[in-house]
Protein backbone atom coordinates (compact mmCIF):
# COMPACT_ATOMS: atom_id res chain seq x y z
CA UNK A 1 -30.46 3.40 -16.12
CA UNK A 2 -26.56 3.67 -16.51
CA UNK A 3 -26.06 4.32 -12.72
CA UNK A 4 -28.15 1.19 -11.91
CA UNK A 5 -26.19 -0.89 -14.21
CA UNK A 6 -22.92 0.37 -12.71
CA UNK A 7 -24.05 -0.30 -9.06
CA UNK A 8 -24.76 -3.83 -9.88
CA UNK A 9 -21.68 -4.29 -11.78
CA UNK A 10 -19.83 -2.99 -8.77
CA UNK A 11 -21.82 -4.98 -6.44
CA UNK A 12 -20.98 -8.28 -8.54
CA UNK A 13 -17.05 -7.47 -8.38
CA UNK A 14 -16.78 -6.23 -4.72
CA UNK A 15 -19.78 -7.39 -2.94
CA UNK A 16 -22.48 -5.49 -1.19
CA UNK A 17 -20.56 -4.54 1.92
CA UNK A 18 -17.46 -3.06 0.52
CA UNK A 19 -19.91 -1.22 -2.56
CA UNK A 20 -21.95 0.35 0.68
CA UNK A 21 -18.73 1.06 2.36
CA UNK A 22 -17.27 2.84 -0.76
CA UNK A 23 -20.54 4.81 -1.32
CA UNK A 24 -20.36 6.17 2.18
CA UNK A 25 -16.75 6.99 1.90
CA UNK A 26 -17.44 9.08 -1.25
CA UNK A 27 -20.21 10.53 0.29
CA UNK A 28 -18.23 11.96 3.20
CA UNK A 29 -15.28 12.87 1.62
CA UNK A 30 -17.40 15.34 -0.63
CA UNK A 31 -18.79 16.86 2.37
CA UNK A 32 -15.39 17.75 3.76
CA UNK A 33 -11.61 16.18 2.69
CA UNK A 34 -11.17 15.36 6.48
CA UNK A 35 -14.20 12.92 6.25
CA UNK A 36 -13.97 9.28 5.07
CA UNK A 37 -14.54 5.77 5.71
CA UNK A 38 -11.26 3.81 5.14
CA UNK A 39 -11.58 0.14 4.74
CA UNK A 40 -7.97 -1.57 4.80
CA UNK A 41 -7.24 -5.38 4.08
CA UNK A 42 -3.83 -6.72 5.51
CA UNK A 43 -1.76 -9.08 3.62
CA UNK A 44 1.26 -10.90 3.97
CA UNK A 45 3.61 -12.54 1.52
CA UNK A 46 6.82 -14.57 1.53
CA UNK A 47 9.98 -12.73 0.10
CA UNK A 48 11.60 -15.09 -2.37
CA UNK A 49 15.11 -14.80 -3.52
CA UNK A 50 14.81 -17.43 -6.44
CA UNK A 51 14.06 -15.73 -9.84
CA UNK A 52 10.57 -16.41 -11.21
CA UNK A 53 11.05 -14.43 -14.34
CA UNK A 54 13.86 -14.88 -16.75
CA UNK A 55 16.34 -11.85 -17.25
CA UNK A 56 15.32 -9.56 -20.04
CA UNK A 57 14.09 -6.09 -21.25
CA UNK A 58 16.16 -3.12 -20.65
CA UNK A 59 15.24 -1.98 -17.29
CA UNK A 60 17.84 -1.32 -14.37
CA UNK A 61 16.82 -1.33 -10.54
CA UNK A 62 18.52 0.46 -7.85
CA UNK A 63 17.79 1.18 -4.17
CA UNK A 64 17.44 4.61 -2.97
CA UNK A 65 17.50 5.60 0.81
CA UNK A 66 17.04 9.34 0.67
CA UNK A 67 15.49 11.84 -1.75
CA UNK A 68 16.75 11.98 -5.22
CA UNK A 69 15.57 14.21 -8.12
CA UNK A 70 14.37 11.23 -10.14
CA UNK A 71 11.80 10.45 -7.65
CA UNK A 72 10.09 13.84 -8.90
CA UNK A 73 8.90 12.02 -12.01
CA UNK A 74 6.44 10.20 -9.70
CA UNK A 75 2.94 11.86 -9.77
CA UNK A 76 3.07 12.42 -5.96
CA UNK A 77 3.60 16.01 -4.15
CA UNK A 78 7.34 16.31 -3.80
CA UNK A 79 7.04 17.25 -0.18
CA UNK A 80 5.27 13.75 0.51
CA UNK A 81 8.07 11.83 -1.23
CA UNK A 82 10.71 13.89 0.95
CA UNK A 83 8.88 13.36 4.10
CA UNK A 84 8.67 9.68 3.38
CA UNK A 85 12.64 9.65 4.17
CA UNK A 86 12.03 10.93 7.69
CA UNK A 87 11.10 7.21 8.47
CA UNK A 88 13.03 4.18 8.06
CA UNK A 89 12.16 3.40 4.33
CA UNK A 90 13.83 2.51 1.07
CA UNK A 91 12.62 2.79 -2.28
CA UNK A 92 13.76 0.30 -5.09
CA UNK A 93 13.19 2.32 -8.78
CA UNK A 94 13.05 0.80 -12.17
CA UNK A 95 14.43 2.99 -14.80
CA UNK A 96 14.34 2.54 -18.63
CA UNK A 97 17.30 4.90 -19.66
CA UNK A 98 16.46 8.14 -18.00
CA UNK A 99 12.68 7.48 -17.26
CA UNK A 100 11.50 6.18 -14.10
CA UNK A 101 8.79 3.41 -14.80
CA UNK A 102 8.09 1.68 -11.64
CA UNK A 103 8.99 1.83 -8.18
CA UNK A 104 8.28 0.13 -4.74
CA UNK A 105 8.55 1.46 -1.12
CA UNK A 106 9.69 -0.27 1.90
CA UNK A 107 9.66 0.64 5.61
CA UNK A 108 11.40 -1.09 8.14
CA UNK A 109 10.39 -1.84 11.99
CA UNK A 110 7.21 0.45 11.76
CA UNK A 111 5.67 2.70 9.38
CA UNK A 112 3.03 5.73 9.87
CA UNK A 113 0.09 5.63 7.88
CA UNK A 114 -0.53 8.63 5.65
CA UNK A 115 -4.10 8.46 5.10
CA UNK A 116 -5.31 8.00 8.37
CA UNK A 117 -3.70 8.29 12.23
CA UNK A 118 -2.09 5.02 12.64
CA UNK A 119 1.07 3.19 13.23
CA UNK A 120 1.98 -0.31 12.09
CA UNK A 121 4.88 -2.11 13.87
CA UNK A 122 6.47 -4.69 11.67
CA UNK A 123 8.58 -7.59 13.16
CA UNK A 124 12.13 -7.60 12.46
CA UNK A 125 11.97 -10.58 10.00
CA UNK A 126 9.66 -8.64 8.12
CA UNK A 127 9.17 -5.36 5.90
CA UNK A 128 6.23 -3.09 5.02
CA UNK A 129 5.67 -2.40 1.46
CA UNK A 130 3.48 0.65 0.25
CA UNK A 131 2.89 2.55 -2.58
CA UNK A 132 3.96 0.10 -5.51
CA UNK A 133 3.70 2.20 -8.82
CA UNK A 134 4.09 1.23 -12.36
CA UNK A 135 3.96 4.19 -15.21
CA UNK A 136 0.41 3.77 -16.94
CA UNK A 137 2.20 2.77 -20.42
CA UNK A 138 4.25 -0.08 -18.52
CA UNK A 139 1.06 -1.75 -16.79
CA UNK A 140 0.41 -4.23 -19.64
CA UNK A 141 3.56 -5.87 -19.28
CA UNK A 142 5.82 -7.38 -16.88
CA UNK A 143 7.43 -4.19 -15.13
CA UNK A 144 5.43 -4.92 -12.14
CA UNK A 145 6.33 -8.30 -11.60
CA UNK A 146 10.07 -7.52 -12.50
CA UNK A 147 10.16 -4.45 -10.02
CA UNK A 148 8.76 -7.04 -7.27
CA UNK A 149 11.54 -9.70 -8.05
CA UNK A 150 13.94 -7.17 -7.89
CA UNK A 151 12.95 -6.08 -4.48
CA UNK A 152 12.63 -9.46 -3.29
CA UNK A 153 16.16 -10.43 -4.05
CA UNK A 154 17.57 -7.53 -2.58
CA UNK A 155 15.58 -7.93 0.72
CA UNK A 156 16.01 -11.70 1.07
CA UNK A 157 19.93 -10.82 0.70
CA UNK A 158 19.33 -8.68 3.98
CA UNK A 159 17.29 -11.53 5.72
CA UNK A 160 13.90 -10.58 5.48
CA UNK A 161 11.28 -13.28 5.06
CA UNK A 162 7.95 -11.60 4.64
CA UNK A 163 6.30 -8.34 3.30
CA UNK A 164 3.31 -6.82 4.76
CA UNK A 165 1.04 -4.42 3.37
CA UNK A 166 -2.41 -2.87 3.58
CA UNK A 167 -4.52 -2.35 0.27
CA UNK A 168 -7.79 -0.73 0.11
CA UNK A 169 -10.89 -2.76 0.02
CA UNK A 170 -11.90 -0.42 -2.71
CA UNK A 171 -8.76 -1.26 -4.78
CA UNK A 172 -9.62 -4.84 -6.61
CA UNK A 173 -6.90 -4.47 -8.96
CA UNK A 174 -4.50 -3.89 -6.39
CA UNK A 175 -5.78 -6.83 -4.24
CA UNK A 176 -5.75 -9.02 -7.24
CA UNK A 177 -2.07 -8.32 -8.01
CA UNK A 178 -0.90 -9.02 -4.76
CA UNK A 179 -2.83 -12.45 -4.70
CA UNK A 180 -1.25 -13.51 -7.95
CA UNK A 181 1.94 -12.99 -6.31
CA UNK A 182 1.03 -15.13 -3.38
CA UNK A 183 -0.16 -12.89 -0.67
CA UNK A 184 -2.34 -14.22 2.13
CA UNK A 185 -5.13 -11.92 3.69
CA UNK A 186 -4.09 -11.66 7.72
CA UNK A 187 -6.61 -8.96 8.80
CA UNK A 188 -8.35 -5.95 8.31
CA UNK A 189 -9.31 -2.39 9.79
CA UNK A 190 -11.89 0.24 8.99
CA UNK A 191 -11.43 3.88 10.04
CA UNK A 192 -14.25 6.38 10.27
CA UNK A 193 -12.83 10.17 10.30
CA UNK A 194 -14.95 12.79 10.81
CA UNK A 195 -12.93 16.17 11.21
CA UNK A 196 -11.27 16.00 14.26
CA UNK A 197 -12.69 12.49 15.42
CA UNK A 198 -11.19 9.14 14.22
CA UNK A 199 -12.89 5.83 15.28
CA UNK A 200 -11.08 2.42 14.30
CA UNK A 201 -12.53 -1.07 14.23
CA UNK A 202 -9.72 -3.62 13.69
CA UNK A 203 -9.22 -7.57 13.55
CA UNK A 204 -5.74 -6.70 15.43
CA UNK A 205 -5.18 -5.52 18.53
CA UNK A 206 -6.29 -2.85 19.82
CA UNK A 207 -9.52 -3.98 18.11
CA UNK A 208 -11.50 -0.57 18.94
CA UNK A 209 -10.10 2.67 19.16
CA UNK A 210 -11.30 6.26 19.32
CA UNK A 211 -9.36 9.43 19.20
CA UNK A 212 -9.40 13.22 18.79
CA UNK A 213 -6.72 14.64 16.41
CA UNK A 214 -4.31 15.39 19.21
CA UNK A 215 -4.76 12.20 21.12
CA UNK A 216 -2.30 9.44 20.64
CA UNK A 217 -3.11 7.38 17.42
CA UNK A 218 -3.69 3.35 17.58
CA UNK A 219 -0.61 1.06 16.85
CA UNK A 220 -1.41 -2.22 15.16
CA UNK A 221 1.22 -4.70 15.93
CA UNK A 222 1.61 -7.66 13.46
CA UNK A 223 2.91 -11.17 14.72
CA UNK A 224 3.80 -13.60 12.19
């Protein structure tokens, strides 16, 4: 049967545990959008100032620290993009003429997670990267690597040494892309959301945390 073939393929690629977690997540999210099983893997990678790729192409890069109309080209709700700048974040965008083809977001000091209720505390010499995006028709080339290199150059000039990130255990392509850039797995966390209840189990302190919607969310502190 076709579904059994897809299941075996998923198990071969992701492993049994992740496959079961993803199946449970899909089942819960179909019951209600406030429910789900979120499995995060945390990565650390060094910020490198040297150029690993030759200059070329017709992309231009620039940093933005507040909402700009060009960000409306992203496949994200405008209100979500605007809300990001309420935190201490910056975004590097790659432009081809007037088209936004890629971007990467970085938070400084702390980052409030937007899928679950959690805050990440980041050391002063590190940044938190999230929502690295490349337009579908540019994903087969070097756009991702060039955007990441441009971001590294800018962050290195400001004295940052590491970039931290969380990637869904269910997103193998993103995990593979970060590993190719030298990312190191440094921890994990699983969040079970059932309406107003959220339960967290993490390899980082606090290792266990349970809360109702109005209680204080957990705060994960990274030590490098």
